[in-house]
Amino acid sequence: MMGRMGTEGDDFRVIAGRYRLEARLGRGGMGVVWRATDQLLGRRVAVKELPLDDTLSAEDARLQRDRTLREARAVAQLRHPHIIVVHDVVEDDERPYIVMELIDGGSLADRIAAHGPVDVAEAARIGVALLSALRTAHAAGVLHRDIKPANVLMESGTDRVVLTDFGIAQVAGATTLTETGSFVGSPEYTAPERMSGTRTGPESDLWSLGALLCTALSGASPFRRDSLGGILHAVVVDEIRPPAQAGPVLPVVRGLLQRDPQRRLTAAEAERMLGAFLESGRTPQPPARYTQTQRDVPRPAAPAATAPRATPDGPEPGAPARTSTRGVLVAALLVAAMAGAGVSAAALLMQGDGNGGPAPTSSPAGTGVHSPGGTAASRSASSPAPHSPSASSASRAAAPASSSSSSGPGPTAPSGYHLVRDPAGFSVAVPDGFTRSPQGERIFYLSPGETFRLGIKIAEPGAGGPLGVMRRADAAGPDTNPGYHDGRVTSATHGGHPAALWEFSWNGYSAAEGPRHTYDLCWDQDGRMYDVWVSAPVGKVREAKEYFDVALDTFAAA
């Protein structure tokens, strides 16, 4: 029973003995949003009333309600100035409600509709805010899965950018709110890999953000077509043509709209590039691994699966086989057919406007995101995470990492990192909270609990160059790393210098520590050999890879 809508001055409905629903702000297929008053604290709030599916059995309805509340509570733990604040999650008459902060202001979609596209500086500002918000959500294992202008609020008077409606969010370790076989989202902003239903991860939110930037700059998504089938074809197959207005930040837009999710810019990289544009008026080029594999042109149909893609330095470590374009398109068209047949989504957290069209759900239950790095199904025990082969973590004495506040030329640290100028003779961007711990010839920066280990070594060049050094290390792997397996050494370059990449998995030093994975790149430069590695649990591959990439992108010899 929805209850009477009510207007100002009426005898309003009160839920959970506390929240007075006063006026309906919006309604979509996935719920009603009310302006309300928290009578206990005397403040205005927004309340999302979630629908119940009357076709479900009592047991299925209970499971759906439990999932909804569990995932809503997970989203409520997020704390970020650009993420909507969830104050409370309550039940009333067995119906779940989400209590949120009330934002005085319309959405980015409303702003574009009323005043037209924004300029490139404003789009960059919005992009930086959303990327920062997504970094926080992804680090907590929460995927938004419906990034679009209607879900970005612009607070009146402050122009604060607020990401809202984590309505089809997916959280680590939980069955997704949307049942297998259901489709949710907005096709114009849905990543191609999500169309197939075979994979979901933080990179899919980043594709959506790339489409959102195009919309903010031009007024329309580059994937807008006259029909759902046309939209799906545009997302999966058609040439991607960013609008002319995106020219000043084109490297970011192209980097986010890479069809191969492993080639997409990370949130940290995109945020750093947009931040550089806001500071200097110029957008730096993305790391070399992206620029040489750009795929903005139509791709022919391929066999059902292809070998791991090649990077400028050889095959990418741990790259999963890709579904063919034809396979993804067929799956996407099935999505359209099922949507037309009336297939509906399960209860959603905060889906507010009902304007989004259908898009495929995440992977089946049990294969949801288990880390900010991707799906459990797509990452096996060979997930990358760097490790120290030298000393037990129990013997490490961590000292605070000293950050430099000088403002000289050189790399800048992305949000969530700080630039350290190490007395050993190098500078590098280190994640906030990491502490310095010298161990023999390597300098480590360790996360709390030493879950992540970033190591730097500077030494004399070795016989056979970087490739010879890494091949010898690979051969000795079983002796230095218990349970060593899946070791691979590939020739590479770094900053134009000869390099080698070594990637491997191992069992950790103890059962409590568990399986780990390592990325390690060494290169010769100016008569010295530099070595950067990151080690992490196998379930933290994406986060570890980001730390590794940021370290390589910002490393500089003193």
Protein backbone atom coordinates (compact mmCIF):
# COMPACT_ATOMS: atom_id res chain seq x y z
CA MET A 1 0.00 0.00 0.00
CA MET A 2 1.65 3.22 -1.17
CA GLY A 3 -0.34 5.53 1.08
CA ARG A 4 -1.70 8.95 0.18
CA MET A 5 0.75 11.30 -1.57
CA GLY A 6 -0.14 14.27 0.59
CA THR A 7 0.45 17.97 0.13
CA GLU A 8 1.69 20.69 2.47
CA GLY A 9 -0.75 21.15 5.34
CA ASP A 10 -2.29 17.67 5.17
CA ASP A 11 -2.15 15.04 7.89
CA PHE A 12 0.94 13.29 6.65
CA ARG A 13 1.92 9.64 6.92
CA VAL A 14 4.69 8.82 9.42
CA ILE A 15 6.92 5.78 8.95
CA ALA A 16 9.08 4.01 11.51
CA GLY A 17 7.51 6.29 14.11
CA ARG A 18 9.83 9.07 13.06
CA TYR A 19 9.86 10.16 9.40
CA ARG A 20 6.89 12.26 8.21
CA LEU A 21 6.35 11.94 4.43
CA GLU A 22 5.18 15.33 3.20
CA ALA A 23 5.36 15.66 -0.56
CA ARG A 24 6.37 13.39 -3.41
CA LEU A 25 9.50 14.61 -5.17
CA GLY A 26 9.59 11.99 -7.89
CA ARG A 27 8.46 8.56 -8.91
CA GLY A 28 9.90 5.89 -11.15
CA GLY A 29 9.42 2.22 -11.77
CA MET A 30 11.71 1.45 -8.84
CA GLY A 31 10.22 3.56 -6.09
CA VAL A 32 8.98 6.91 -4.87
CA VAL A 33 11.11 9.68 -3.39
CA TRP A 34 9.47 11.86 -0.76
CA ARG A 35 10.41 15.10 0.88
CA ALA A 36 10.10 14.33 4.56
CA THR A 37 10.89 15.55 8.05
CA ASP A 38 12.87 13.62 10.64
CA GLN A 39 10.69 14.44 13.64
CA LEU A 40 13.30 13.21 16.11
CA LEU A 41 16.10 15.48 14.90
CA GLY A 42 13.93 18.17 13.34
CA ARG A 43 15.61 18.14 9.92
CA ARG A 44 14.43 17.82 6.35
CA VAL A 45 15.35 14.58 4.57
CA ALA A 46 14.57 12.67 1.41
CA VAL A 47 13.00 9.23 1.80
CA LYS A 48 13.08 6.55 -0.91
CA GLU A 49 10.15 4.17 -0.64
CA LEU A 50 11.04 0.89 -2.31
CA PRO A 51 8.37 -1.21 -4.01
CA LEU A 52 7.45 -4.77 -3.13
CA ASP A 53 6.93 -7.41 -5.80
CA ASP A 54 3.53 -8.94 -5.12
CA THR A 55 4.32 -11.86 -7.47
CA LEU A 56 7.02 -13.23 -5.16
CA SER A 57 6.43 -15.94 -2.60
CA ALA A 58 6.67 -14.94 1.04
CA GLU A 59 10.13 -16.49 1.31
CA ASP A 60 11.42 -14.82 -1.88
CA ALA A 61 9.96 -11.49 -0.76
CA ARG A 62 11.76 -11.81 2.57
CA LEU A 63 15.07 -12.64 0.84
CA GLN A 64 14.65 -9.70 -1.51
CA ARG A 65 13.88 -7.35 1.37
CA ASP A 66 16.87 -8.64 3.35
CA ARG A 67 19.18 -8.11 0.37
CA THR A 68 17.83 -4.64 -0.17
CA LEU A 69 18.39 -3.63 3.43
CA ARG A 70 21.82 -5.27 3.62
CA GLU A 71 23.10 -3.52 0.54
CA ALA A 72 21.50 -0.21 1.48
CA ARG A 73 23.31 -0.36 4.80
CA ALA A 74 26.58 -1.04 2.99
CA VAL A 75 26.06 2.03 0.81
CA ALA A 76 25.21 4.00 3.95
CA GLN A 77 28.76 3.41 5.20
CA LEU A 78 30.21 5.51 2.37
CA ARG A 79 31.43 8.91 3.53
CA HIS A 80 32.47 11.39 0.85
CA PRO A 81 31.52 15.01 0.13
CA HIS A 82 30.36 14.06 -3.37
CA ILE A 83 28.30 11.01 -2.38
CA ILE A 84 24.75 11.35 -1.13
CA VAL A 85 24.55 10.86 2.63
CA VAL A 86 22.35 7.94 3.69
CA HIS A 87 21.09 8.71 7.19
CA ASP A 88 19.04 5.63 7.90
CA VAL A 89 17.60 2.39 6.52
CA VAL A 90 14.25 1.39 8.01
CA GLU A 91 11.30 -0.92 7.54
CA ASP A 92 7.66 0.02 7.95
CA ASP A 93 4.87 -2.49 7.37
CA GLU A 94 7.52 -4.84 5.88
CA ARG A 95 8.45 -2.25 3.24
CA PRO A 96 12.06 -0.94 3.11
CA TYR A 97 12.80 2.79 3.10
CA ILE A 98 16.08 4.64 2.57
CA VAL A 99 16.47 7.97 4.41
CA MET A 100 18.91 10.36 2.73
CA GLU A 101 20.07 13.94 2.92
CA LEU A 102 17.81 16.34 1.05
CA ILE A 103 19.75 18.23 -1.64
CA ASP A 104 18.38 21.64 -2.54
CA GLY A 105 18.94 21.65 -6.28
CA GLY A 106 18.23 19.77 -9.46
CA SER A 107 20.18 17.15 -11.31
CA LEU A 108 22.84 17.62 -13.97
CA ALA A 109 20.24 16.40 -16.46
CA ASP A 110 17.89 19.18 -15.32
CA ARG A 111 20.67 21.74 -15.68
CA ILE A 112 21.52 20.61 -19.21
CA ALA A 113 17.84 20.61 -20.20
CA ALA A 114 17.29 24.13 -18.82
CA HIS A 115 20.56 25.85 -19.76
CA GLY A 116 22.26 23.65 -22.34
CA PRO A 117 25.67 21.95 -22.17
CA VAL A 118 28.31 23.09 -19.70
CA ASP A 119 31.72 24.42 -20.70
CA VAL A 120 34.78 22.20 -20.60
CA ALA A 121 36.09 23.60 -17.31
CA GLU A 122 32.78 22.89 -15.58
CA ALA A 123 32.65 19.40 -17.10
CA ALA A 124 36.17 18.75 -15.81
CA ARG A 125 35.18 20.00 -12.34
CA ILE A 126 32.18 17.69 -12.33
CA GLY A 127 34.32 14.83 -13.59
CA VAL A 128 36.95 15.29 -10.86
CA ALA A 129 34.25 15.28 -8.16
CA LEU A 130 32.60 12.13 -9.50
CA LEU A 131 35.91 10.31 -9.97
CA SER A 132 36.84 11.08 -6.39
CA ALA A 133 33.45 9.78 -5.25
CA LEU A 134 33.82 6.61 -7.31
CA ARG A 135 37.27 5.96 -5.91
CA THR A 136 35.78 5.95 -2.41
CA ALA A 137 32.88 3.71 -3.41
CA HIS A 138 35.07 1.27 -5.32
CA ALA A 139 37.58 1.08 -2.49
CA ALA A 140 34.69 -0.02 -0.26
CA GLY A 141 33.65 -2.64 -2.81
CA VAL A 142 30.55 -0.72 -3.94
CA LEU A 143 29.77 -0.29 -7.64
CA HIS A 144 27.22 2.34 -8.67
CA ARG A 145 26.19 0.77 -12.02
CA ASP A 146 23.96 3.65 -13.13
CA ILE A 147 26.15 6.72 -13.64
CA LYS A 148 24.17 9.24 -15.71
CA PRO A 149 23.31 12.97 -15.54
CA ALA A 150 19.98 12.29 -13.82
CA ASN A 151 21.86 10.71 -10.92
CA VAL A 152 24.20 13.65 -10.36
CA LEU A 153 22.77 16.44 -8.22
CA MET A 154 23.98 20.06 -8.29
CA GLU A 155 23.39 21.76 -4.95
CA SER A 156 21.96 25.26 -5.24
CA GLY A 157 24.16 28.03 -3.88
CA THR A 158 27.29 25.88 -3.66
CA ASP A 159 27.24 23.91 -6.94
CA ARG A 160 28.39 20.90 -4.92
CA VAL A 161 28.34 17.82 -7.12
CA VAL A 162 26.57 14.91 -5.43
CA LEU A 163 26.41 11.37 -6.79
CA THR A 164 23.11 9.82 -5.79
CA ASP A 165 20.86 6.86 -6.59
CA PHE A 166 23.09 3.91 -5.86
CA GLY A 167 19.88 2.17 -6.79
CA ILE A 168 21.35 -0.81 -8.58
CA ALA A 169 24.58 -0.79 -6.63
CA GLN A 170 26.48 -3.99 -6.10
CA VAL A 171 28.56 -4.61 -3.01
CA ALA A 172 31.37 -7.01 -2.24
CA GLY A 173 30.42 -10.41 -0.93
CA ALA A 174 26.66 -10.03 -1.43
CA THR A 175 24.18 -11.27 -3.98
CA THR A 176 23.29 -8.35 -6.20
CA LEU A 177 20.00 -6.56 -5.63
CA THR A 178 19.03 -7.36 -9.20
CA GLU A 179 18.20 -11.01 -9.67
CA THR A 180 19.95 -12.98 -12.39
CA GLY A 181 18.00 -12.53 -15.60
CA SER A 182 16.78 -9.05 -14.73
CA PHE A 183 18.04 -5.94 -16.45
CA VAL A 184 18.58 -2.53 -14.97
CA GLY A 185 20.45 0.62 -15.84
CA SER A 186 20.48 3.15 -18.66
CA PRO A 187 21.66 1.73 -22.01
CA GLU A 188 23.19 5.02 -23.26
CA TYR A 189 25.53 4.96 -20.26
CA THR A 190 26.04 1.19 -19.87
CA ALA A 191 29.47 -0.28 -20.61
CA PRO A 192 29.67 -2.86 -23.41
CA GLU A 193 30.97 -5.60 -21.12
CA ARG A 194 27.96 -5.09 -18.87
CA MET A 195 25.69 -5.52 -21.86
CA SER A 196 26.88 -9.12 -22.11
CA GLY A 197 26.22 -9.85 -18.45
CA THR A 198 29.58 -11.63 -18.22
CA ARG A 199 31.57 -9.13 -16.21
CA THR A 200 31.18 -6.14 -13.96
CA GLY A 201 33.71 -4.06 -12.11
CA PRO A 202 34.80 -0.51 -11.30
CA GLU A 203 35.90 0.02 -14.91
CA SER A 204 32.26 -0.23 -16.03
CA ASP A 205 31.35 2.79 -13.90
CA LEU A 206 34.22 4.64 -15.57
CA TRP A 207 32.84 3.98 -19.06
CA SER A 208 29.54 5.46 -17.87
CA LEU A 209 31.38 8.52 -16.60
CA GLY A 210 33.01 8.96 -20.01
CA ALA A 211 29.57 8.96 -21.64
CA LEU A 212 28.32 11.39 -18.98
CA LEU A 213 31.15 13.84 -19.76
CA CYS A 214 30.19 13.75 -23.44
CA THR A 215 26.58 14.49 -22.51
CA ALA A 216 27.55 17.35 -20.21
CA LEU A 217 29.66 18.93 -22.96
CA SER A 218 27.32 18.43 -25.93
CA GLY A 219 23.86 17.89 -24.49
CA ALA A 220 23.49 14.31 -25.71
CA SER A 221 25.13 10.95 -25.13
CA PRO A 222 27.31 9.79 -28.04
CA PHE A 223 25.32 6.55 -27.96
CA ARG A 224 21.86 8.11 -28.27
CA ARG A 225 19.86 6.52 -31.09
CA ASP A 226 16.20 6.30 -32.11
CA SER A 227 15.69 2.80 -30.74
CA LEU A 228 16.95 0.57 -27.97
CA GLY A 229 18.49 -1.77 -30.52
CA GLY A 230 20.28 1.18 -32.09
CA ILE A 231 21.66 2.25 -28.71
CA LEU A 232 22.95 -1.24 -27.99
CA HIS A 233 24.60 -1.44 -31.41
CA ALA A 234 26.20 1.98 -30.86
CA VAL A 235 27.61 0.96 -27.50
CA VAL A 236 28.99 -2.37 -28.67
CA VAL A 237 29.98 -1.93 -32.32
CA ASP A 238 29.68 1.55 -33.87
CA GLU A 239 32.58 3.94 -34.15
CA ILE A 240 32.82 6.03 -31.00
CA ARG A 241 32.79 9.72 -31.89
CA PRO A 242 33.22 12.02 -28.90
CA PRO A 243 31.68 15.47 -29.46
CA ALA A 244 33.85 18.31 -30.73
CA GLN A 245 33.33 20.12 -27.43
CA ALA A 246 35.35 17.37 -25.71
CA GLY A 247 38.49 18.37 -27.62
CA PRO A 248 40.37 19.95 -24.70
CA VAL A 249 39.87 16.84 -22.54
CA LEU A 250 39.75 14.30 -25.37
CA PRO A 251 42.52 12.05 -23.90
CA VAL A 252 40.36 11.52 -20.82
CA VAL A 253 37.15 10.89 -22.75
CA ARG A 254 38.84 8.45 -25.12
CA GLY A 255 40.60 6.75 -22.23
CA LEU A 256 37.31 6.20 -20.40
CA LEU A 257 35.45 5.04 -23.52
CA GLN A 258 37.79 2.16 -24.29
CA ARG A 259 35.67 -0.87 -25.13
CA ASP A 260 38.24 -3.17 -23.59
CA PRO A 261 37.74 -2.62 -19.83
CA GLN A 262 41.36 -3.49 -19.11
CA ARG A 263 42.42 -0.63 -21.40
CA ARG A 264 40.20 1.91 -19.72
CA LEU A 265 41.72 4.68 -17.63
CA THR A 266 41.55 4.07 -13.90
CA ALA A 267 39.71 6.56 -11.71
CA ALA A 268 43.03 7.83 -10.33
CA GLU A 269 44.48 8.39 -13.80
CA ALA A 270 41.39 10.15 -15.14
CA GLU A 271 41.17 12.32 -12.03
CA ARG A 272 44.83 13.26 -12.31
CA MET A 273 44.46 14.21 -15.99
CA LEU A 274 41.33 16.32 -15.45
CA GLY A 275 42.96 17.96 -12.45
CA ALA A 276 45.96 18.86 -14.59
CA PHE A 277 43.61 20.41 -17.16
CA LEU A 278 41.92 22.54 -14.52
CA GLU A 279 45.29 23.74 -13.26
CA SER A 280 47.07 24.35 -16.56
CA GLY A 281 44.46 24.33 -19.33
CA ARG A 282 46.22 21.36 -20.90
CA THR A 283 45.33 17.69 -20.59
CA PRO A 284 48.27 15.29 -20.35
CA GLN A 285 48.28 12.18 -22.48
CA PRO A 286 47.33 8.91 -20.79
CA PRO A 287 50.02 6.35 -19.95
CA ALA A 288 51.60 4.70 -23.00
CA ARG A 289 49.78 1.42 -22.45
CA TYR A 290 46.53 3.13 -23.44
CA THR A 291 47.62 5.27 -26.36
CA GLN A 292 48.92 2.42 -28.49
CA THR A 293 45.81 0.26 -28.28
CA GLN A 294 43.02 2.79 -28.78
CA ARG A 295 39.92 1.16 -30.22
CA ASP A 296 37.41 3.76 -31.31
CA VAL A 297 36.65 2.15 -34.68
CA PRO A 298 34.18 -0.61 -35.54
CA ARG A 299 35.58 -4.05 -34.83
CA PRO A 300 34.81 -7.13 -36.94
CA ALA A 301 33.23 -10.20 -35.43
CA ALA A 302 35.73 -12.54 -33.85
CA PRO A 303 35.69 -16.09 -32.51
CA ALA A 304 33.90 -16.58 -29.21
CA ALA A 305 37.08 -15.90 -27.26
CA THR A 306 40.45 -14.44 -28.11
CA ALA A 307 43.82 -14.72 -26.47
CA PRO A 308 44.81 -12.15 -23.86
CA ARG A 309 45.45 -8.84 -25.54
CA ALA A 310 48.94 -7.51 -26.15
CA THR A 311 50.23 -4.41 -24.47
CA PRO A 312 53.07 -2.23 -25.72
CA ASP A 313 55.25 -4.37 -23.44
CA GLY A 314 53.78 -7.75 -24.40
CA PRO A 315 50.62 -9.61 -23.30
CA GLU A 316 48.97 -7.99 -20.31
CA PRO A 317 49.52 -10.04 -17.17
CA GLY A 318 46.47 -11.98 -16.08
CA ALA A 319 44.26 -10.60 -18.88
CA PRO A 320 41.07 -12.69 -19.17
CA ALA A 321 39.90 -13.94 -22.55
CA ARG A 322 37.50 -11.51 -24.19
CA THR A 323 34.06 -12.24 -25.48
CA SER A 324 33.74 -11.43 -29.17
CA THR A 325 31.98 -8.31 -30.40
CA ARG A 326 29.39 -10.52 -32.08
CA GLY A 327 28.73 -12.38 -28.81
CA VAL A 328 28.34 -9.18 -26.85
CA LEU A 329 26.00 -7.73 -29.46
CA VAL A 330 23.83 -10.85 -29.49
CA ALA A 331 23.61 -10.71 -25.70
CA ALA A 332 22.78 -7.01 -25.85
CA LEU A 333 19.99 -7.56 -28.36
CA LEU A 334 18.59 -10.28 -26.11
CA VAL A 335 18.52 -7.64 -23.39
CA ALA A 336 16.39 -5.45 -25.64
CA ALA A 337 14.05 -8.32 -26.44
CA MET A 338 13.59 -9.23 -22.79
CA ALA A 339 13.03 -5.59 -21.90
CA GLY A 340 10.32 -5.37 -24.54
CA ALA A 341 8.72 -8.48 -23.10
CA GLY A 342 8.32 -6.74 -19.77
CA VAL A 343 11.12 -8.31 -17.72
CA SER A 344 11.49 -6.17 -14.61
CA ALA A 345 14.26 -5.59 -12.10
CA ALA A 346 14.24 -6.56 -8.45
CA ALA A 347 13.98 -4.01 -5.66
CA LEU A 348 16.47 -1.20 -6.00
CA LEU A 349 18.08 1.05 -3.44
CA MET A 350 17.71 4.57 -4.71
CA GLN A 351 16.61 4.54 -8.35
CA GLY A 352 14.84 7.88 -8.44
CA ASP A 353 13.54 8.97 -11.82
CA GLY A 354 12.57 5.88 -13.73
CA ASN A 355 14.03 7.27 -16.93
CA GLY A 356 16.70 4.64 -17.29
CA GLY A 357 16.13 1.89 -19.79
CA PRO A 358 17.06 -1.76 -19.38
CA ALA A 359 20.57 -3.05 -19.26
CA PRO A 360 21.91 -6.42 -18.28
CA THR A 361 22.43 -7.44 -14.71
CA SER A 362 25.75 -8.37 -13.21
CA SER A 363 27.18 -11.82 -13.15
CA PRO A 364 25.13 -14.57 -11.54
CA ALA A 365 24.84 -14.85 -7.80
CA GLY A 366 28.08 -15.81 -6.19
CA THR A 367 30.24 -14.10 -8.81
CA GLY A 368 29.74 -10.53 -7.70
CA VAL A 369 32.48 -8.08 -6.98
CA HIS A 370 34.77 -9.24 -4.21
CA SER A 371 37.16 -6.33 -4.37
CA PRO A 372 37.45 -2.99 -6.07
CA GLY A 373 39.39 -4.89 -8.69
CA GLY A 374 36.68 -6.80 -10.49
CA THR A 375 34.64 -9.98 -10.26
CA ALA A 376 35.66 -13.05 -8.42
CA ALA A 377 34.99 -15.07 -11.52
CA SER A 378 37.26 -12.97 -13.70
CA ARG A 379 40.16 -13.00 -11.24
CA SER A 380 41.63 -16.31 -10.11
CA ALA A 381 44.50 -17.03 -7.81
CA SER A 382 46.71 -15.33 -10.34
CA SER A 383 45.41 -11.93 -9.37
CA PRO A 384 48.23 -9.42 -9.11
CA ALA A 385 49.61 -8.32 -5.79
CA PRO A 386 53.20 -7.49 -4.97
CA HIS A 387 55.19 -9.09 -2.18
CA SER A 388 58.50 -8.85 -0.46
CA PRO A 389 60.63 -11.97 -0.96
CA SER A 390 63.11 -10.83 1.65
CA ALA A 391 61.74 -10.64 5.16
CA SER A 392 58.78 -11.70 7.25
CA SER A 393 56.20 -9.01 7.83
CA ALA A 394 56.36 -9.69 11.55
CA SER A 395 59.88 -8.23 11.68
CA ARG A 396 59.05 -4.99 9.90
CA ALA A 397 59.18 -1.73 11.82
CA ALA A 398 57.08 0.77 9.92
CA ALA A 399 58.00 4.43 10.08
CA PRO A 400 55.75 7.26 8.93
CA ALA A 401 56.14 8.19 5.28
CA SER A 402 57.22 11.79 4.87
CA SER A 403 55.43 13.69 2.14
CA SER A 404 56.92 16.61 0.37
CA SER A 405 55.07 19.87 0.25
CA SER A 406 57.39 21.52 -2.24
CA SER A 407 55.83 22.61 -5.47
CA GLY A 408 58.57 21.99 -8.01
CA PRO A 409 58.03 20.54 -11.47
CA GLY A 410 57.36 16.88 -12.00
CA PRO A 411 54.53 14.39 -11.43
CA THR A 412 51.67 15.28 -9.14
CA ALA A 413 49.90 12.82 -6.84
CA PRO A 414 46.29 11.93 -7.71
CA SER A 415 43.57 12.20 -5.11
CA GLY A 416 44.08 9.65 -2.34
CA TYR A 417 47.88 9.71 -2.75
CA HIS A 418 50.72 11.94 -1.62
CA LEU A 419 54.10 12.50 -3.24
CA VAL A 420 57.06 11.40 -1.15
CA ARG A 421 60.68 12.40 -1.78
CA ASP A 422 62.52 9.44 -0.34
CA PRO A 423 66.03 9.89 1.11
CA ALA A 424 67.10 6.84 -0.91
CA GLY A 425 67.04 9.05 -4.00
CA PHE A 426 63.64 8.92 -5.65
CA SER A 427 60.16 10.40 -5.49
CA VAL A 428 56.89 8.52 -5.98
CA ALA A 429 53.16 8.92 -5.27
CA VAL A 430 52.17 6.72 -2.34
CA PRO A 431 48.59 5.95 -1.21
CA ASP A 432 47.54 7.92 1.85
CA GLY A 433 48.05 5.94 5.04
CA PHE A 434 51.04 3.92 3.78
CA THR A 435 54.15 3.97 6.00
CA ARG A 436 57.83 3.75 5.05
CA SER A 437 59.76 0.61 6.04
CA PRO A 438 63.34 0.10 4.71
CA GLN A 439 64.25 -3.60 4.43
CA GLY A 440 67.69 -4.41 3.14
CA GLU A 441 68.21 -3.01 -0.34
CA ARG A 442 64.52 -2.27 -0.88
CA ILE A 443 62.42 0.58 0.51
CA PHE A 444 58.86 -0.47 1.29
CA TYR A 445 55.72 1.62 1.72
CA LEU A 446 53.13 -0.51 3.52
CA SER A 447 49.39 -0.16 3.95
CA PRO A 448 47.87 -0.60 7.43
CA GLY A 449 48.15 -4.28 8.28
CA GLU A 450 50.61 -4.67 5.38
CA THR A 451 47.84 -5.84 3.07
CA PHE A 452 49.50 -3.91 0.24
CA ARG A 453 53.26 -3.60 -0.13
CA LEU A 454 54.89 -1.12 -2.48
CA GLY A 455 58.63 -1.73 -2.84
CA ILE A 456 61.35 0.33 -4.54
CA LYS A 457 64.93 -0.81 -5.20
CA ILE A 458 67.81 1.07 -6.81
CA ALA A 459 70.88 -1.00 -7.74
CA GLU A 460 73.66 -1.46 -10.27
CA PRO A 461 72.53 -2.82 -13.65
CA GLY A 462 72.56 -6.62 -13.77
CA ALA A 463 73.98 -8.99 -16.35
CA GLY A 464 71.67 -9.43 -19.31
CA GLY A 465 69.84 -6.19 -18.54
CA PRO A 466 66.37 -6.04 -16.95
CA LEU A 467 65.18 -9.11 -18.85
CA GLY A 468 68.11 -11.18 -17.58
CA VAL A 469 67.58 -9.96 -14.02
CA MET A 470 63.89 -10.84 -14.07
CA ARG A 471 64.42 -14.23 -15.68
CA ARG A 472 66.86 -15.17 -12.94
CA ALA A 473 64.41 -13.97 -10.30
CA ASP A 474 61.67 -16.04 -11.96
CA ALA A 475 63.91 -19.14 -11.93
CA ALA A 476 64.56 -18.61 -8.20
CA GLY A 477 60.88 -17.95 -7.47
CA PRO A 478 60.11 -21.34 -5.89
CA ASP A 479 62.99 -20.81 -3.44
CA THR A 480 62.03 -17.26 -2.42
CA ASN A 481 58.22 -17.43 -2.48
CA PRO A 482 56.37 -20.44 -1.01
CA GLY A 483 53.96 -21.99 -3.48
CA TYR A 484 55.32 -19.93 -6.38
CA HIS A 485 53.29 -20.41 -9.57
CA ASP A 486 52.17 -18.72 -12.78
CA GLY A 487 55.41 -16.76 -13.03
CA ARG A 488 55.83 -14.82 -16.26
CA VAL A 489 58.52 -12.45 -17.48
CA THR A 490 57.97 -10.20 -20.50
CA SER A 491 60.17 -7.67 -22.24
CA ALA A 492 59.00 -4.10 -21.79
CA THR A 493 60.01 -0.46 -21.93
CA HIS A 494 59.55 2.28 -19.36
CA GLY A 495 59.96 5.92 -20.31
CA GLY A 496 61.87 4.79 -23.40
CA HIS A 497 64.29 2.68 -21.33
CA PRO A 498 64.67 -1.11 -21.60
CA ALA A 499 62.58 -2.85 -18.96
CA ALA A 500 61.11 -6.19 -17.97
CA LEU A 501 57.85 -7.07 -16.22
CA TRP A 502 57.67 -10.03 -13.84
CA GLU A 503 54.30 -11.20 -12.56
CA PHE A 504 53.64 -14.20 -10.33
CA SER A 505 51.39 -15.71 -7.68
CA TRP A 506 52.39 -17.53 -4.51
CA ASN A 507 50.92 -18.85 -1.27
CA GLY A 508 52.07 -16.17 1.16
CA TYR A 509 54.32 -16.73 4.12
CA SER A 510 51.53 -18.17 6.27
CA ALA A 511 48.02 -19.56 6.04
CA ALA A 512 46.80 -16.41 7.79
CA GLU A 513 48.40 -14.21 5.15
CA GLY A 514 46.92 -16.26 2.32
CA PRO A 515 47.65 -16.33 -1.43
CA ARG A 516 49.25 -13.22 -2.91
CA HIS A 517 50.22 -11.89 -6.29
CA THR A 518 53.04 -9.60 -7.41
CA TYR A 519 53.68 -7.03 -10.12
CA ASP A 520 57.37 -6.16 -10.54
CA LEU A 521 58.91 -3.88 -13.21
CA CYS A 522 62.60 -3.10 -13.45
CA TRP A 523 64.39 -0.91 -15.96
CA ASP A 524 67.86 0.51 -16.67
CA GLN A 525 68.22 4.28 -16.70
CA ASP A 526 71.32 6.49 -16.57
CA GLY A 527 73.60 3.71 -15.38
CA ARG A 528 71.27 2.50 -12.62
CA MET A 529 68.64 -0.23 -12.36
CA TYR A 530 65.30 0.80 -10.85
CA ASP A 531 62.78 -1.74 -9.60
CA VAL A 532 59.16 -1.06 -8.55
CA TRP A 533 56.82 -3.72 -7.29
CA VAL A 534 53.46 -4.08 -5.57
CA SER A 535 52.22 -7.14 -3.70
CA ALA A 536 48.68 -7.82 -2.45
CA PRO A 537 46.18 -10.59 -1.72
CA VAL A 538 44.85 -12.26 -4.84
CA GLY A 539 41.40 -10.81 -4.22
CA LYS A 540 42.72 -7.22 -4.34
CA VAL A 541 44.08 -7.26 -7.89
CA ARG A 542 42.47 -4.12 -9.26
CA GLU A 543 43.46 -1.96 -6.30
CA ALA A 544 46.99 -3.37 -6.41
CA LYS A 545 47.24 -2.72 -10.15
CA GLU A 546 46.17 0.88 -9.61
CA TYR A 547 48.85 1.37 -6.93
CA PHE A 548 51.41 -0.18 -9.29
CA ASP A 549 50.40 1.98 -12.24
CA VAL A 550 50.36 5.19 -10.20
CA ALA A 551 53.81 4.36 -8.77
CA LEU A 552 55.24 3.81 -12.25
CA ASP A 553 53.58 6.92 -13.66
CA THR A 554 54.87 9.17 -10.87
CA PHE A 555 58.27 7.60 -10.10
CA ALA A 556 61.24 9.91 -10.64
CA ALA A 557 64.89 9.46 -9.77
CA ALA A 558 66.37 12.23 -7.64
